[in-house]
Amino acid sequence: MRYVCRVCGYVYDEAAEKTPFESLPDTWKCPLCGAPKSQFGPEEAKKPAAAAPAAPAEDVHLKKLSAGQLSALCSNLARGCEKQYKAEEAASFRELADYFAAVTPPVNDAGVEDIAALLQEDIDRYPGVRAAADAEADRGAARICVWGEKVTRMLSSLVDRYLKVGEAMLAGTNVWLCTVCGFVYVGDEAPELCPVCKVPAWKFEKIEGRAG
């Protein structure tokens, strides 16, 4: 039996490892990205190629985004442009992201539990969004779904771990952020390659300090 990490795609092969996956301790982590055991699932058979895209629906529902959502969107677009070496476009999107961030009203009643719940809501929505992207044969949207789900799953696992052990999880180690896809890594040094988007370690930024 083979088990796959839903964050980075690492495969745990029971035949090669000589140890059943279920026998691994709950504290075991993915050797590539550090995701917990709970982020692994049985390897699934490859799905057939998506059918030809359907005709676009006439009734398109648009949703007005908040300033905070627009800031996050522009920030992600800036990272995408940066990955494509489009410096001018990346700078423009960063400027827009900073503007929307500045006008976003503060959230005074947000807690770690609220963040955990929101992350889980996003994880639950990804299968439907990915199915829509596949149905339209939209490779760009499908790739966004792949990256987004992996990063969200990792953030969810880190938040869950923080809820269990608190600040102790950050004692004596560092926190690194991939500036391209948003992957967060807890460890002494940044990984040689981002487990999600495969950019090199120099694309990671060390997160320095936190407000008390």
Protein backbone atom coordinates (compact mmCIF):
# COMPACT_ATOMS: atom_id res chain seq x y z
CA MET A 1 0.00 0.00 0.00
CA ARG A 2 1.22 3.51 -0.82
CA TYR A 3 0.21 6.69 1.01
CA VAL A 4 0.59 10.17 -0.46
CA CYS A 5 1.19 13.47 1.33
CA ARG A 6 -1.62 15.84 0.33
CA VAL A 7 0.73 18.80 0.77
CA CYS A 8 3.86 17.94 -1.22
CA GLY A 9 3.08 14.63 -2.92
CA TYR A 10 5.68 12.56 -1.06
CA VAL A 11 4.85 8.86 -1.33
CA TYR A 12 5.22 6.50 1.64
CA ASP A 13 5.57 3.01 0.17
CA GLU A 14 4.93 0.34 2.80
CA ALA A 15 6.69 -2.31 0.71
CA ALA A 16 9.86 -0.23 0.47
CA GLU A 17 9.78 1.08 4.04
CA LYS A 18 8.97 -2.35 5.56
CA THR A 19 6.65 -0.68 8.09
CA PRO A 20 2.86 -0.39 7.75
CA PHE A 21 1.75 3.21 7.57
CA GLU A 22 -0.79 2.67 10.35
CA SER A 23 2.04 1.52 12.64
CA LEU A 24 3.82 4.86 12.40
CA PRO A 25 3.41 7.02 15.52
CA ASP A 26 1.02 9.96 15.41
CA THR A 27 4.03 12.25 15.83
CA TRP A 28 5.53 11.03 12.53
CA LYS A 29 5.86 13.78 9.90
CA CYS A 30 6.41 13.91 6.16
CA PRO A 31 10.19 13.80 5.64
CA LEU A 32 9.92 16.26 2.76
CA CYS A 33 7.59 19.05 3.93
CA GLY A 34 6.99 18.28 7.61
CA ALA A 35 3.23 17.75 7.24
CA PRO A 36 1.69 15.56 9.97
CA LYS A 37 0.61 11.97 9.42
CA SER A 38 -3.02 13.10 9.21
CA GLN A 39 -2.27 14.83 5.89
CA PHE A 40 -1.54 11.49 4.19
CA GLY A 41 -4.10 9.42 2.31
CA PRO A 42 -4.07 6.19 0.28
CA GLU A 43 -2.74 6.59 -3.25
CA GLU A 44 -5.61 6.86 -5.71
CA ALA A 45 -5.74 5.43 -9.21
CA LYS A 46 -5.10 7.98 -11.94
CA LYS A 47 -8.28 9.59 -13.21
CA PRO A 48 -9.10 9.62 -16.94
CA ALA A 49 -8.50 12.81 -18.89
CA ALA A 50 -11.15 15.47 -18.48
CA ALA A 51 -13.89 15.65 -21.08
CA ALA A 52 -14.09 18.50 -23.56
CA PRO A 53 -15.12 21.79 -21.93
CA ALA A 54 -18.82 22.45 -21.76
CA ALA A 55 -20.40 25.56 -23.24
CA PRO A 56 -20.10 28.53 -20.87
CA ALA A 57 -23.11 29.06 -18.67
CA GLU A 58 -25.15 32.16 -19.39
CA ASP A 59 -25.96 32.81 -15.74
CA VAL A 60 -22.65 33.90 -14.20
CA HIS A 61 -22.67 34.75 -10.50
CA LEU A 62 -20.19 37.40 -9.46
CA LYS A 63 -19.20 38.11 -5.89
CA LYS A 64 -17.98 41.44 -4.59
CA LEU A 65 -14.68 40.99 -2.77
CA SER A 66 -13.76 42.79 0.43
CA ALA A 67 -10.68 44.98 0.65
CA GLY A 68 -8.86 42.21 2.53
CA GLN A 69 -9.74 39.64 -0.13
CA LEU A 70 -8.60 42.02 -2.87
CA SER A 71 -5.32 42.53 -1.02
CA ALA A 72 -4.74 38.77 -0.84
CA LEU A 73 -5.71 38.36 -4.51
CA CYS A 74 -3.33 41.08 -5.68
CA SER A 75 -0.56 39.72 -3.47
CA ASN A 76 -0.95 36.28 -5.06
CA LEU A 77 -1.00 37.81 -8.54
CA ALA A 78 2.21 39.66 -7.69
CA ARG A 79 3.86 36.38 -6.72
CA GLY A 80 2.66 34.78 -9.93
CA CYS A 81 4.13 37.62 -11.98
CA GLU A 82 7.37 37.39 -10.04
CA LYS A 83 7.63 33.69 -10.85
CA GLN A 84 7.22 34.58 -14.52
CA TYR A 85 9.95 37.26 -14.19
CA LYS A 86 7.49 40.08 -14.91
CA ALA A 87 8.91 42.60 -12.47
CA GLU A 88 6.84 45.62 -13.57
CA GLU A 89 3.53 43.77 -13.32
CA ALA A 90 4.56 42.26 -9.98
CA ALA A 91 5.36 45.72 -8.59
CA SER A 92 1.96 47.04 -9.72
CA PHE A 93 0.09 44.18 -8.06
CA ARG A 94 2.12 44.63 -4.86
CA GLU A 95 1.18 48.31 -4.84
CA LEU A 96 -2.49 47.39 -5.17
CA ALA A 97 -2.14 44.75 -2.45
CA ASP A 98 -0.58 47.27 -0.07
CA TYR A 99 -3.36 49.78 -0.80
CA PHE A 100 -6.18 47.32 -0.12
CA ALA A 101 -4.38 46.07 3.00
CA ALA A 102 -4.17 49.64 4.31
CA VAL A 103 -7.92 50.22 3.93
CA THR A 104 -8.95 46.83 5.35
CA PRO A 105 -10.76 47.36 8.67
CA PRO A 106 -9.21 45.58 11.67
CA VAL A 107 -10.75 42.35 12.95
CA ASN A 108 -10.76 42.63 16.72
CA ASP A 109 -12.47 39.37 17.65
CA ALA A 110 -10.43 36.94 15.51
CA GLY A 111 -8.73 34.05 17.30
CA VAL A 112 -6.67 31.03 16.33
CA GLU A 113 -9.77 28.84 16.55
CA ASP A 114 -11.53 31.09 14.02
CA ILE A 115 -8.56 30.80 11.66
CA ALA A 116 -8.59 27.01 12.00
CA ALA A 117 -12.30 26.91 11.12
CA LEU A 118 -11.84 29.17 8.07
CA LEU A 119 -8.93 27.08 6.79
CA GLN A 120 -11.02 23.91 7.09
CA GLU A 121 -13.87 25.58 5.19
CA ASP A 122 -11.44 26.39 2.37
CA ILE A 123 -10.15 22.79 2.32
CA ASP A 124 -13.71 21.48 2.08
CA ARG A 125 -14.43 23.76 -0.90
CA TYR A 126 -11.38 22.84 -2.99
CA PRO A 127 -12.76 19.57 -4.48
CA GLY A 128 -15.74 21.42 -5.98
CA VAL A 129 -13.59 24.24 -7.33
CA ARG A 130 -11.07 21.79 -8.80
CA ALA A 131 -13.89 19.79 -10.43
CA ALA A 132 -15.17 22.97 -12.09
CA ALA A 133 -11.68 23.80 -13.36
CA ASP A 134 -11.23 20.29 -14.75
CA ALA A 135 -14.65 20.37 -16.40
CA GLU A 136 -13.63 23.54 -18.24
CA ALA A 137 -10.19 22.10 -19.04
CA ASP A 138 -8.71 25.23 -17.45
CA ARG A 139 -5.16 24.16 -16.64
CA GLY A 140 -4.28 27.48 -15.03
CA ALA A 141 -7.19 27.35 -12.62
CA ALA A 142 -6.48 23.67 -11.91
CA ARG A 143 -2.87 24.50 -11.01
CA ILE A 144 -4.05 27.27 -8.70
CA CYS A 145 -6.33 24.75 -7.00
CA VAL A 146 -3.46 22.30 -6.55
CA TRP A 147 -1.13 24.89 -5.03
CA GLY A 148 -3.88 26.51 -3.00
CA GLU A 149 -5.10 23.28 -1.46
CA LYS A 150 -1.60 22.10 -0.57
CA VAL A 151 -0.69 25.41 1.09
CA THR A 152 -4.03 25.57 2.91
CA ARG A 153 -3.64 22.03 4.21
CA MET A 154 -0.18 22.83 5.53
CA LEU A 155 -1.38 26.03 7.20
CA SER A 156 -4.28 24.09 8.73
CA SER A 157 -1.94 21.46 10.14
CA LEU A 158 0.35 24.14 11.61
CA VAL A 159 -2.59 25.96 13.20
CA ASP A 160 -3.92 22.70 14.66
CA ARG A 161 -0.49 21.97 16.07
CA TYR A 162 -0.31 25.47 17.55
CA LEU A 163 -3.69 24.97 19.23
CA LYS A 164 -2.33 21.82 20.89
CA VAL A 165 1.12 22.95 22.04
CA GLY A 166 1.07 26.75 21.79
CA GLU A 167 4.28 28.79 21.54
CA ALA A 168 6.35 25.70 22.36
CA MET A 169 6.10 24.62 18.70
CA LEU A 170 8.14 27.70 17.71
CA ALA A 171 10.75 27.50 20.46
CA GLY A 172 14.31 27.10 19.20
CA THR A 173 13.38 27.05 15.52
CA ASN A 174 12.49 29.37 12.65
CA VAL A 175 9.47 30.00 10.43
CA TRP A 176 9.96 30.37 6.67
CA LEU A 177 7.55 31.65 4.03
CA CYS A 178 7.76 30.80 0.33
CA THR A 179 7.31 34.14 -1.41
CA VAL A 180 5.95 32.46 -4.53
CA CYS A 181 3.17 30.13 -3.34
CA GLY A 182 2.79 31.01 0.35
CA PHE A 183 3.94 27.66 1.75
CA VAL A 184 5.00 27.95 5.41
CA TYR A 185 7.82 25.81 6.77
CA VAL A 186 8.89 25.45 10.41
CA GLY A 187 12.54 24.46 10.76
CA ASP A 188 16.06 25.70 11.35
CA GLU A 189 16.70 26.31 7.64
CA ALA A 190 14.43 26.79 4.65
CA PRO A 191 13.98 23.65 2.51
CA GLU A 192 16.26 23.35 -0.52
CA LEU A 193 13.17 23.33 -2.74
CA CYS A 194 9.65 24.43 -1.88
CA PRO A 195 7.63 21.20 -1.53
CA VAL A 196 4.68 22.84 -3.28
CA CYS A 197 5.96 25.06 -6.13
CA LYS A 198 9.57 23.77 -6.34
CA VAL A 199 11.33 27.15 -6.20
CA PRO A 200 14.79 27.20 -4.51
CA ALA A 201 15.49 28.09 -0.89
CA TRP A 202 16.43 31.71 -1.68
CA LYS A 203 12.78 32.34 -2.53
CA PHE A 204 11.91 31.79 1.14
CA GLU A 205 11.75 34.64 3.63
CA LYS A 206 12.40 34.20 7.35
CA ILE A 207 9.50 35.49 9.42
CA GLU A 208 11.05 37.69 12.06
CA GLY A 209 9.31 38.21 15.39
CA ARG A 210 5.62 38.48 16.17
CA ALA A 211 3.62 41.14 17.91
CA GLY A 212 2.90 40.26 21.51
